[in-house]
Amino acid sequence: MPISKESILRISRLARLDLEAGTKFGASENQVEAFVEQMQRIVGYIDILEEADTVGVEPLYSPLQLTAQSRPDVIVQEYTREEILRNAPEQADGFFVVPKVI
């Protein structure tokens, strides 16, 4: 797929990049041409990847075989309410007191 200078400038406007010559932060003509060449190499590499035969190849979601770790579901109360509230800067009636947010 050929990439033109106009398509690079259009993409730059969509990405809110200022590549237009003559603007405050605009790129020089050489810089725009360098972007065109780089984009053509990227698209060319993607074209090469599309030529690979992938018929019958399962998609690889992760290089690692992950299994869900499970543990017994046992209720364990490690701290009491009083122990937790002891660290609160302010408390009232067994609850944390926080600033009102409106």
PDB file of N, CA and C in Angstrom:
ATOM      1  N   MET A   1       0.853  -1.176   0.000  1.00  0.00           N
ATOM      2  CA  MET A   1       0.000   0.000   0.000  1.00  0.00           C
ATOM      3  C   MET A   1       0.897   1.237   0.000  1.00  0.00           C
ATOM      4  N   PRO A   2       0.806   2.042  -1.031  1.00  0.00           N
ATOM      5  CA  PRO A   2       1.646   3.234  -1.082  1.00  0.00           C
ATOM      6  C   PRO A   2       1.166   4.302  -0.104  1.00  0.00           C
ATOM      7  N   ILE A   3       2.104   4.899   0.586  1.00  0.00           N
ATOM      8  CA  ILE A   3       1.823   5.971   1.539  1.00  0.00           C
ATOM      9  C   ILE A   3       2.271   7.281   0.899  1.00  0.00           C
ATOM     10  N   SER A   4       1.367   8.237   0.866  1.00  0.00           N
ATOM     11  CA  SER A   4       1.702   9.526   0.258  1.00  0.00           C
ATOM     12  C   SER A   4       1.911  10.582   1.339  1.00  0.00           C
ATOM     13  N   LYS A   5       2.480  11.690   0.938  1.00  0.00           N
ATOM     14  CA  LYS A   5       2.676  12.806   1.855  1.00  0.00           C
ATOM     15  C   LYS A   5       1.326  13.308   2.361  1.00  0.00           C
ATOM     16  N   GLU A   6       0.324  13.321   1.494  1.00  0.00           N
ATOM     17  CA  GLU A   6      -1.008  13.784   1.891  1.00  0.00           C
ATOM     18  C   GLU A   6      -1.617  12.883   2.962  1.00  0.00           C
ATOM     19  N   SER A   7      -1.424  11.558   2.826  1.00  0.00           N
ATOM     20  CA  SER A   7      -1.970  10.648   3.843  1.00  0.00           C
ATOM     21  C   SER A   7      -1.249  10.827   5.177  1.00  0.00           C
ATOM     22  N   ILE A   8       0.052  11.092   5.148  1.00  0.00           N
ATOM     23  CA  ILE A   8       0.787  11.348   6.396  1.00  0.00           C
ATOM     24  C   ILE A   8       0.271  12.619   7.066  1.00  0.00           C
ATOM     25  N   LEU A   9       0.052  13.663   6.269  1.00  0.00           N
ATOM     26  CA  LEU A   9      -0.455  14.920   6.836  1.00  0.00           C
ATOM     27  C   LEU A   9      -1.878  14.754   7.364  1.00  0.00           C
ATOM     28  N   ARG A  10      -2.688  13.929   6.702  1.00  0.00           N
ATOM     29  CA  ARG A  10      -4.053  13.675   7.178  1.00  0.00           C
ATOM     30  C   ARG A  10      -4.020  12.907   8.502  1.00  0.00           C
ATOM     31  N   ILE A  11      -3.177  11.888   8.562  1.00  0.00           N
ATOM     32  CA  ILE A  11      -3.044  11.111   9.800  1.00  0.00           C
ATOM     33  C   ILE A  11      -2.536  12.004  10.928  1.00  0.00           C
ATOM     34  N   SER A  12      -1.610  12.896  10.608  1.00  0.00           N
ATOM     35  CA  SER A  12      -1.072  13.782  11.647  1.00  0.00           C
ATOM     36  C   SER A  12      -2.150  14.723  12.170  1.00  0.00           C
ATOM     37  N   ARG A  13      -3.042  15.177  11.289  1.00  0.00           N
ATOM     38  CA  ARG A  13      -4.144  16.036  11.765  1.00  0.00           C
ATOM     39  C   ARG A  13      -5.082  15.244  12.662  1.00  0.00           C
ATOM     40  N   LEU A  14      -5.383  13.987  12.290  1.00  0.00           N
ATOM     41  CA  LEU A  14      -6.258  13.147  13.116  1.00  0.00           C
ATOM     42  C   LEU A  14      -5.639  12.874  14.482  1.00  0.00           C
ATOM     43  N   ALA A  15      -4.304  12.728  14.515  1.00  0.00           N
ATOM     44  CA  ALA A  15      -3.596  12.465  15.771  1.00  0.00           C
ATOM     45  C   ALA A  15      -3.236  13.758  16.498  1.00  0.00           C
ATOM     46  N   ARG A  16      -3.668  14.881  15.929  1.00  0.00           N
ATOM     47  CA  ARG A  16      -3.385  16.200  16.507  1.00  0.00           C
ATOM     48  C   ARG A  16      -1.887  16.461  16.629  1.00  0.00           C
ATOM     49  N   LEU A  17      -1.159  16.041  15.598  1.00  0.00           N
ATOM     50  CA  LEU A  17       0.269  16.331  15.488  1.00  0.00           C
ATOM     51  C   LEU A  17       0.439  17.430  14.462  1.00  0.00           C
ATOM     52  N   ASP A  18       1.249  18.409  14.760  1.00  0.00           N
ATOM     53  CA  ASP A  18       1.431  19.547  13.864  1.00  0.00           C
ATOM     54  C   ASP A  18       2.622  19.293  12.948  1.00  0.00           C
ATOM     55  N   LEU A  19       2.342  18.747  11.755  1.00  0.00           N
ATOM     56  CA  LEU A  19       3.402  18.503  10.780  1.00  0.00           C
ATOM     57  C   LEU A  19       3.307  19.453   9.595  1.00  0.00           C
ATOM     58  N   GLU A  20       2.272  20.266   9.558  1.00  0.00           N
ATOM     59  CA  GLU A  20       2.075  21.178   8.438  1.00  0.00           C
ATOM     60  C   GLU A  20       3.207  22.199   8.385  1.00  0.00           C
ATOM     61  N   ALA A  21       3.796  22.382   7.232  1.00  0.00           N
ATOM     62  CA  ALA A  21       4.846  23.388   7.059  1.00  0.00           C
ATOM     63  C   ALA A  21       4.229  24.781   7.192  1.00  0.00           C
ATOM     64  N   GLY A  22       4.970  25.699   7.787  1.00  0.00           N
ATOM     65  CA  GLY A  22       4.499  27.064   7.932  1.00  0.00           C
ATOM     66  C   GLY A  22       3.740  27.330   9.214  1.00  0.00           C
ATOM     67  N   THR A  23       3.483  26.291  10.017  1.00  0.00           N
ATOM     68  CA  THR A  23       2.826  26.510  11.300  1.00  0.00           C
ATOM     69  C   THR A  23       3.878  26.631  12.383  1.00  0.00           C
ATOM     70  N   LYS A  24       3.430  26.968  13.583  1.00  0.00           N
ATOM     71  CA  LYS A  24       4.367  27.256  14.673  1.00  0.00           C
ATOM     72  C   LYS A  24       5.326  26.099  14.936  1.00  0.00           C
ATOM     73  N   PHE A  25       4.802  24.888  15.023  1.00  0.00           N
ATOM     74  CA  PHE A  25       5.641  23.728  15.323  1.00  0.00           C
ATOM     75  C   PHE A  25       5.744  22.792  14.126  1.00  0.00           C
ATOM     76  N   GLY A  26       5.457  23.281  12.956  1.00  0.00           N
ATOM     77  CA  GLY A  26       5.420  22.438  11.760  1.00  0.00           C
ATOM     78  C   GLY A  26       6.756  21.776  11.451  1.00  0.00           C
ATOM     79  N   ALA A  27       6.667  20.673  10.758  1.00  0.00           N
ATOM     80  CA  ALA A  27       7.864  19.924  10.379  1.00  0.00           C
ATOM     81  C   ALA A  27       8.393  20.448   9.056  1.00  0.00           C
ATOM     82  N   SER A  28       9.657  20.220   8.827  1.00  0.00           N
ATOM     83  CA  SER A  28      10.248  20.614   7.545  1.00  0.00           C
ATOM     84  C   SER A  28       9.842  19.596   6.485  1.00  0.00           C
ATOM     85  N   GLU A  29      10.064  19.947   5.247  1.00  0.00           N
ATOM     86  CA  GLU A  29       9.736  19.057   4.134  1.00  0.00           C
ATOM     87  C   GLU A  29      10.514  17.740   4.244  1.00  0.00           C
ATOM     88  N   ASN A  30      11.764  17.813   4.688  1.00  0.00           N
ATOM     89  CA  ASN A  30      12.586  16.602   4.850  1.00  0.00           C
ATOM     90  C   ASN A  30      12.032  15.702   5.948  1.00  0.00           C
ATOM     91  N   GLN A  31      11.536  16.301   7.029  1.00  0.00           N
ATOM     92  CA  GLN A  31      10.986  15.490   8.113  1.00  0.00           C
ATOM     93  C   GLN A  31       9.720  14.766   7.671  1.00  0.00           C
ATOM     94  N   VAL A  32       8.869  15.455   6.924  1.00  0.00           N
ATOM     95  CA  VAL A  32       7.649  14.808   6.419  1.00  0.00           C
ATOM     96  C   VAL A  32       8.010  13.663   5.485  1.00  0.00           C
ATOM     97  N   GLU A  33       8.995  13.873   4.623  1.00  0.00           N
ATOM     98  CA  GLU A  33       9.432  12.796   3.723  1.00  0.00           C
ATOM     99  C   GLU A  33       9.994  11.617   4.520  1.00  0.00           C
ATOM    100  N   ALA A  34      10.687  11.909   5.627  1.00  0.00           N
ATOM    101  CA  ALA A  34      11.210  10.833   6.475  1.00  0.00           C
ATOM    102  C   ALA A  34      10.058  10.043   7.092  1.00  0.00           C
ATOM    103  N   PHE A  35       8.983  10.740   7.489  1.00  0.00           N
ATOM    104  CA  PHE A  35       7.806  10.045   8.029  1.00  0.00           C
ATOM    105  C   PHE A  35       7.171   9.163   6.963  1.00  0.00           C
ATOM    106  N   VAL A  36       7.122   9.651   5.730  1.00  0.00           N
ATOM    107  CA  VAL A  36       6.550   8.863   4.638  1.00  0.00           C
ATOM    108  C   VAL A  36       7.362   7.586   4.440  1.00  0.00           C
ATOM    109  N   GLU A  37       8.677   7.702   4.415  1.00  0.00           N
ATOM    110  CA  GLU A  37       9.534   6.524   4.235  1.00  0.00           C
ATOM    111  C   GLU A  37       9.373   5.533   5.387  1.00  0.00           C
ATOM    112  N   GLN A  38       9.332   6.045   6.623  1.00  0.00           N
ATOM    113  CA  GLN A  38       9.180   5.166   7.778  1.00  0.00           C
ATOM    114  C   GLN A  38       7.843   4.438   7.736  1.00  0.00           C
ATOM    115  N   MET A  39       6.775   5.157   7.385  1.00  0.00           N
ATOM    116  CA  MET A  39       5.453   4.528   7.328  1.00  0.00           C
ATOM    117  C   MET A  39       5.405   3.489   6.217  1.00  0.00           C
ATOM    118  N   GLN A  40       6.062   3.755   5.087  1.00  0.00           N
ATOM    119  CA  GLN A  40       6.105   2.770   4.006  1.00  0.00           C
ATOM    120  C   GLN A  40       6.842   1.504   4.440  1.00  0.00           C
ATOM    121  N   ARG A  41       7.919   1.654   5.220  1.00  0.00           N
ATOM    122  CA  ARG A  41       8.636   0.466   5.728  1.00  0.00           C
ATOM    123  C   ARG A  41       7.758  -0.322   6.696  1.00  0.00           C
ATOM    124  N   ILE A  42       7.013   0.378   7.551  1.00  0.00           N
ATOM    125  CA  ILE A  42       6.136  -0.308   8.510  1.00  0.00           C
ATOM    126  C   ILE A  42       5.057  -1.091   7.774  1.00  0.00           C
ATOM    127  N   VAL A  43       4.396  -0.430   6.828  1.00  0.00           N
ATOM    128  CA  VAL A  43       3.332  -1.098   6.073  1.00  0.00           C
ATOM    129  C   VAL A  43       3.914  -2.241   5.242  1.00  0.00           C
ATOM    130  N   GLY A  44       5.118  -2.056   4.707  1.00  0.00           N
ATOM    131  CA  GLY A  44       5.770  -3.128   3.956  1.00  0.00           C
ATOM    132  C   GLY A  44       6.050  -4.340   4.827  1.00  0.00           C
ATOM    133  N   TYR A  45       6.446  -4.105   6.070  1.00  0.00           N
ATOM    134  CA  TYR A  45       6.684  -5.215   6.989  1.00  0.00           C
ATOM    135  C   TYR A  45       5.384  -5.949   7.301  1.00  0.00           C
ATOM    136  N   ILE A  46       4.310  -5.207   7.464  1.00  0.00           N
ATOM    137  CA  ILE A  46       3.010  -5.839   7.720  1.00  0.00           C
ATOM    138  C   ILE A  46       2.587  -6.670   6.516  1.00  0.00           C
ATOM    139  N   ASP A  47       2.854  -6.173   5.301  1.00  0.00           N
ATOM    140  CA  ASP A  47       2.544  -6.949   4.099  1.00  0.00           C
ATOM    141  C   ASP A  47       3.317  -8.263   4.083  1.00  0.00           C
ATOM    142  N   ILE A  48       4.574  -8.239   4.525  1.00  0.00           N
ATOM    143  CA  ILE A  48       5.376  -9.467   4.593  1.00  0.00           C
ATOM    144  C   ILE A  48       4.755 -10.440   5.595  1.00  0.00           C
ATOM    145  N   LEU A  49       4.313  -9.927   6.740  1.00  0.00           N
ATOM    146  CA  LEU A  49       3.696 -10.795   7.747  1.00  0.00           C
ATOM    147  C   LEU A  49       2.403 -11.417   7.246  1.00  0.00           C
ATOM    148  N   GLU A  50       1.656 -10.680   6.417  1.00  0.00           N
ATOM    149  CA  GLU A  50       0.397 -11.215   5.888  1.00  0.00           C
ATOM    150  C   GLU A  50       0.622 -12.385   4.947  1.00  0.00           C
ATOM    151  N   GLU A  51       1.825 -12.538   4.403  1.00  0.00           N
ATOM    152  CA  GLU A  51       2.118 -13.630   3.487  1.00  0.00           C
ATOM    153  C   GLU A  51       2.345 -14.958   4.216  1.00  0.00           C
ATOM    154  N   ALA A  52       2.531 -14.910   5.522  1.00  0.00           N
ATOM    155  CA  ALA A  52       2.792 -16.141   6.282  1.00  0.00           C
ATOM    156  C   ALA A  52       1.561 -17.041   6.259  1.00  0.00           C
ATOM    157  N   ASP A  53       1.801 -18.347   6.083  1.00  0.00           N
ATOM    158  CA  ASP A  53       0.714 -19.327   6.058  1.00  0.00           C
ATOM    159  C   ASP A  53       0.299 -19.632   7.498  1.00  0.00           C
ATOM    160  N   THR A  54      -0.905 -19.234   7.855  1.00  0.00           N
ATOM    161  CA  THR A  54      -1.386 -19.447   9.220  1.00  0.00           C
ATOM    162  C   THR A  54      -2.587 -20.385   9.260  1.00  0.00           C
ATOM    163  N   VAL A  55      -2.813 -21.134   8.192  1.00  0.00           N
ATOM    164  CA  VAL A  55      -3.934 -22.065   8.150  1.00  0.00           C
ATOM    165  C   VAL A  55      -3.691 -23.177   9.167  1.00  0.00           C
ATOM    166  N   GLY A  56      -4.656 -23.396  10.026  1.00  0.00           N
ATOM    167  CA  GLY A  56      -4.562 -24.461  11.019  1.00  0.00           C
ATOM    168  C   GLY A  56      -3.752 -24.101  12.252  1.00  0.00           C
ATOM    169  N   VAL A  57      -3.294 -22.869  12.359  1.00  0.00           N
ATOM    170  CA  VAL A  57      -2.518 -22.447  13.526  1.00  0.00           C
ATOM    171  C   VAL A  57      -3.473 -21.861  14.558  1.00  0.00           C
ATOM    172  N   GLU A  58      -3.432 -22.429  15.748  1.00  0.00           N
ATOM    173  CA  GLU A  58      -4.285 -21.922  16.830  1.00  0.00           C
ATOM    174  C   GLU A  58      -3.756 -20.576  17.313  1.00  0.00           C
ATOM    175  N   PRO A  59      -4.643 -19.637  17.645  1.00  0.00           N
ATOM    176  CA  PRO A  59      -4.179 -18.356  18.179  1.00  0.00           C
ATOM    177  C   PRO A  59      -3.462 -18.550  19.514  1.00  0.00           C
ATOM    178  N   LEU A  60      -2.405 -17.796  19.709  1.00  0.00           N
ATOM    179  CA  LEU A  60      -1.637 -17.863  20.944  1.00  0.00           C
ATOM    180  C   LEU A  60      -2.052 -16.686  21.817  1.00  0.00           C
ATOM    181  N   TYR A  61      -2.743 -16.980  22.894  1.00  0.00           N
ATOM    182  CA  TYR A  61      -3.223 -15.922  23.765  1.00  0.00           C
ATOM    183  C   TYR A  61      -2.160 -15.526  24.776  1.00  0.00           C
ATOM    184  N   SER A  62      -1.322 -16.462  25.145  1.00  0.00           N
ATOM    185  CA  SER A  62      -0.260 -16.185  26.096  1.00  0.00           C
ATOM    186  C   SER A  62       0.838 -17.219  25.883  1.00  0.00           C
ATOM    187  N   PRO A  63       2.101 -16.807  26.014  1.00  0.00           N
ATOM    188  CA  PRO A  63       3.173 -17.783  25.862  1.00  0.00           C
ATOM    189  C   PRO A  63       3.270 -18.737  27.048  1.00  0.00           C
ATOM    190  N   LEU A  64       2.592 -18.444  28.117  1.00  0.00           N
ATOM    191  CA  LEU A  64       2.621 -19.280  29.314  1.00  0.00           C
ATOM    192  C   LEU A  64       1.314 -20.042  29.446  1.00  0.00           C
ATOM    193  N   GLN A  65       1.404 -21.250  29.901  1.00  0.00           N
ATOM    194  CA  GLN A  65       0.203 -22.013  30.192  1.00  0.00           C
ATOM    195  C   GLN A  65      -0.265 -21.634  31.588  1.00  0.00           C
ATOM    196  N   LEU A  66      -1.302 -20.823  31.649  1.00  0.00           N
ATOM    197  CA  LEU A  66      -1.785 -20.334  32.933  1.00  0.00           C
ATOM    198  C   LEU A  66      -2.940 -21.189  33.417  1.00  0.00           C
ATOM    199  N   THR A  67      -2.883 -21.517  34.679  1.00  0.00           N
ATOM    200  CA  THR A  67      -4.000 -22.208  35.301  1.00  0.00           C
ATOM    201  C   THR A  67      -4.418 -21.398  36.515  1.00  0.00           C
ATOM    202  N   ALA A  68      -5.684 -21.398  36.774  1.00  0.00           N
ATOM    203  CA  ALA A  68      -6.205 -20.632  37.900  1.00  0.00           C
ATOM    204  C   ALA A  68      -5.788 -21.296  39.207  1.00  0.00           C
ATOM    205  N   GLN A  69      -5.199 -20.515  40.061  1.00  0.00           N
ATOM    206  CA  GLN A  69      -4.831 -21.025  41.378  1.00  0.00           C
ATOM    207  C   GLN A  69      -6.071 -20.965  42.276  1.00  0.00           C
ATOM    208  N   SER A  70      -6.360 -22.040  42.944  1.00  0.00           N
ATOM    209  CA  SER A  70      -7.512 -22.033  43.841  1.00  0.00           C
ATOM    210  C   SER A  70      -7.061 -22.403  45.245  1.00  0.00           C
ATOM    211  N   ARG A  71      -7.801 -21.930  46.177  1.00  0.00           N
ATOM    212  CA  ARG A  71      -7.540 -22.237  47.575  1.00  0.00           C
ATOM    213  C   ARG A  71      -8.871 -22.520  48.237  1.00  0.00           C
ATOM    214  N   PRO A  72      -8.854 -23.161  49.360  1.00  0.00           N
ATOM    215  CA  PRO A  72     -10.123 -23.437  50.033  1.00  0.00           C
ATOM    216  C   PRO A  72     -10.769 -22.134  50.498  1.00  0.00           C
ATOM    217  N   ASP A  73     -12.072 -22.060  50.354  1.00  0.00           N
ATOM    218  CA  ASP A  73     -12.821 -20.872  50.744  1.00  0.00           C
ATOM    219  C   ASP A  73     -13.196 -21.006  52.220  1.00  0.00           C
ATOM    220  N   VAL A  74     -12.310 -20.482  53.050  1.00  0.00           N
ATOM    221  CA  VAL A  74     -12.501 -20.578  54.486  1.00  0.00           C
ATOM    222  C   VAL A  74     -12.594 -19.169  55.053  1.00  0.00           C
ATOM    223  N   ILE A  75     -13.615 -18.918  55.860  1.00  0.00           N
ATOM    224  CA  ILE A  75     -13.773 -17.602  56.473  1.00  0.00           C
ATOM    225  C   ILE A  75     -12.804 -17.498  57.643  1.00  0.00           C
ATOM    226  N   VAL A  76     -11.979 -16.466  57.607  1.00  0.00           N
ATOM    227  CA  VAL A  76     -11.011 -16.231  58.665  1.00  0.00           C
ATOM    228  C   VAL A  76     -11.117 -14.769  59.063  1.00  0.00           C
ATOM    229  N   GLN A  77     -11.454 -14.509  60.293  1.00  0.00           N
ATOM    230  CA  GLN A  77     -11.519 -13.134  60.757  1.00  0.00           C
ATOM    231  C   GLN A  77     -10.195 -12.842  61.456  1.00  0.00           C
ATOM    232  N   GLU A  78      -9.367 -12.065  60.770  1.00  0.00           N
ATOM    233  CA  GLU A  78      -8.035 -11.809  61.293  1.00  0.00           C
ATOM    234  C   GLU A  78      -8.011 -10.647  62.277  1.00  0.00           C
ATOM    235  N   TYR A  79      -8.881  -9.652  62.080  1.00  0.00           N
ATOM    236  CA  TYR A  79      -8.881  -8.481  62.936  1.00  0.00           C
ATOM    237  C   TYR A  79     -10.298  -8.201  63.413  1.00  0.00           C
ATOM    238  N   THR A  80     -10.398  -7.663  64.585  1.00  0.00           N
ATOM    239  CA  THR A  80     -11.699  -7.251  65.086  1.00  0.00           C
ATOM    240  C   THR A  80     -11.959  -5.815  64.656  1.00  0.00           C
ATOM    241  N   ARG A  81     -13.203  -5.396  64.746  1.00  0.00           N
ATOM    242  CA  ARG A  81     -13.568  -4.031  64.391  1.00  0.00           C
ATOM    243  C   ARG A  81     -12.794  -3.035  65.244  1.00  0.00           C
ATOM    244  N   GLU A  82     -12.648  -3.335  66.509  1.00  0.00           N
ATOM    245  CA  GLU A  82     -11.942  -2.423  67.415  1.00  0.00           C
ATOM    246  C   GLU A  82     -10.472  -2.284  67.019  1.00  0.00           C
ATOM    247  N   GLU A  83      -9.858  -3.382  66.602  1.00  0.00           N
ATOM    248  CA  GLU A  83      -8.454  -3.321  66.183  1.00  0.00           C
ATOM    249  C   GLU A  83      -8.283  -2.461  64.928  1.00  0.00           C
ATOM    250  N   ILE A  84      -9.212  -2.562  64.012  1.00  0.00           N
ATOM    251  CA  ILE A  84      -9.131  -1.772  62.782  1.00  0.00           C
ATOM    252  C   ILE A  84      -9.390  -0.303  63.078  1.00  0.00           C
ATOM    253  N   LEU A  85     -10.422  -0.019  63.880  1.00  0.00           N
ATOM    254  CA  LEU A  85     -10.764   1.376  64.184  1.00  0.00           C
ATOM    255  C   LEU A  85      -9.722   2.050  65.060  1.00  0.00           C
ATOM    256  N   ARG A  86      -8.897   1.282  65.708  1.00  0.00           N
ATOM    257  CA  ARG A  86      -7.842   1.855  66.536  1.00  0.00           C
ATOM    258  C   ARG A  86      -6.874   2.700  65.695  1.00  0.00           C
ATOM    259  N   ASN A  87      -6.747   2.394  64.409  1.00  0.00           N
ATOM    260  CA  ASN A  87      -5.863   3.133  63.510  1.00  0.00           C
ATOM    261  C   ASN A  87      -6.548   4.329  62.862  1.00  0.00           C
ATOM    262  N   ALA A  88      -7.844   4.491  63.062  1.00  0.00           N
ATOM    263  CA  ALA A  88      -8.582   5.576  62.419  1.00  0.00           C
ATOM    264  C   ALA A  88      -8.274   6.904  63.100  1.00  0.00           C
ATOM    265  N   PRO A  89      -8.075   7.966  62.316  1.00  0.00           N
ATOM    266  CA  PRO A  89      -7.844   9.269  62.923  1.00  0.00           C
ATOM    267  C   PRO A  89      -9.077   9.770  63.677  1.00  0.00           C
ATOM    268  N   GLU A  90     -10.272   9.396  63.173  1.00  0.00           N
ATOM    269  CA  GLU A  90     -11.506   9.793  63.852  1.00  0.00           C
ATOM    270  C   GLU A  90     -12.542   8.703  63.634  1.00  0.00           C
ATOM    271  N   GLN A  91     -13.302   8.401  64.676  1.00  0.00           N
ATOM    272  CA  GLN A  91     -14.326   7.372  64.592  1.00  0.00           C
ATOM    273  C   GLN A  91     -15.527   7.770  65.430  1.00  0.00           C
ATOM    274  N   ALA A  92     -16.679   7.186  65.075  1.00  0.00           N
ATOM    275  CA  ALA A  92     -17.909   7.444  65.824  1.00  0.00           C
ATOM    276  C   ALA A  92     -18.832   6.251  65.657  1.00  0.00           C
ATOM    277  N   ASP A  93     -19.348   5.743  66.725  1.00  0.00           N
ATOM    278  CA  ASP A  93     -20.312   4.635  66.745  1.00  0.00           C
ATOM    279  C   ASP A  93     -19.817   3.410  65.981  1.00  0.00           C
ATOM    280  N   GLY A  94     -18.525   3.141  66.033  1.00  0.00           N
ATOM    281  CA  GLY A  94     -17.971   1.957  65.388  1.00  0.00           C
ATOM    282  C   GLY A  94     -17.708   2.112  63.903  1.00  0.00           C
ATOM    283  N   PHE A  95     -17.687   3.357  63.403  1.00  0.00           N
ATOM    284  CA  PHE A  95     -17.440   3.623  61.975  1.00  0.00           C
ATOM    285  C   PHE A  95     -16.339   4.655  61.825  1.00  0.00           C
ATOM    286  N   PHE A  96     -15.700   4.669  60.655  1.00  0.00           N
ATOM    287  CA  PHE A  96     -14.747   5.723  60.322  1.00  0.00           C
ATOM    288  C   PHE A  96     -15.500   7.016  60.084  1.00  0.00           C
ATOM    289  N   VAL A  97     -14.966   8.136  60.545  1.00  0.00           N
ATOM    290  CA  VAL A  97     -15.528   9.452  60.248  1.00  0.00           C
ATOM    291  C   VAL A  97     -14.663  10.065  59.150  1.00  0.00           C
ATOM    292  N   VAL A  98     -15.332  10.449  58.041  1.00  0.00           N
ATOM    293  CA  VAL A  98     -14.630  11.040  56.909  1.00  0.00           C
ATOM    294  C   VAL A  98     -15.250  12.393  56.600  1.00  0.00           C
ATOM    295  N   PRO A  99     -14.515  13.274  55.925  1.00  0.00           N
ATOM    296  CA  PRO A  99     -15.065  14.582  55.583  1.00  0.00           C
ATOM    297  C   PRO A  99     -16.255  14.445  54.628  1.00  0.00           C
ATOM    298  N   LYS A 100     -17.216  15.326  54.772  1.00  0.00           N
ATOM    299  CA  LYS A 100     -18.389  15.338  53.893  1.00  0.00           C
ATOM    300  C   LYS A 100     -17.961  15.794  52.505  1.00  0.00           C
ATOM    301  N   VAL A 101     -18.419  15.080  51.483  1.00  0.00           N
ATOM    302  CA  VAL A 101     -18.091  15.419  50.103  1.00  0.00           C
ATOM    303  C   VAL A 101     -19.390  15.766  49.384  1.00  0.00           C
ATOM    304  N   ILE A 102     -19.424  16.954  48.820  1.00  0.00           N
ATOM    305  CA  ILE A 102     -20.650  17.387  48.116  1.00  0.00           C
ATOM    306  C   ILE A 102     -20.320  17.640  46.674  1.00  0.00           C
TER     307      ILE A 102
END
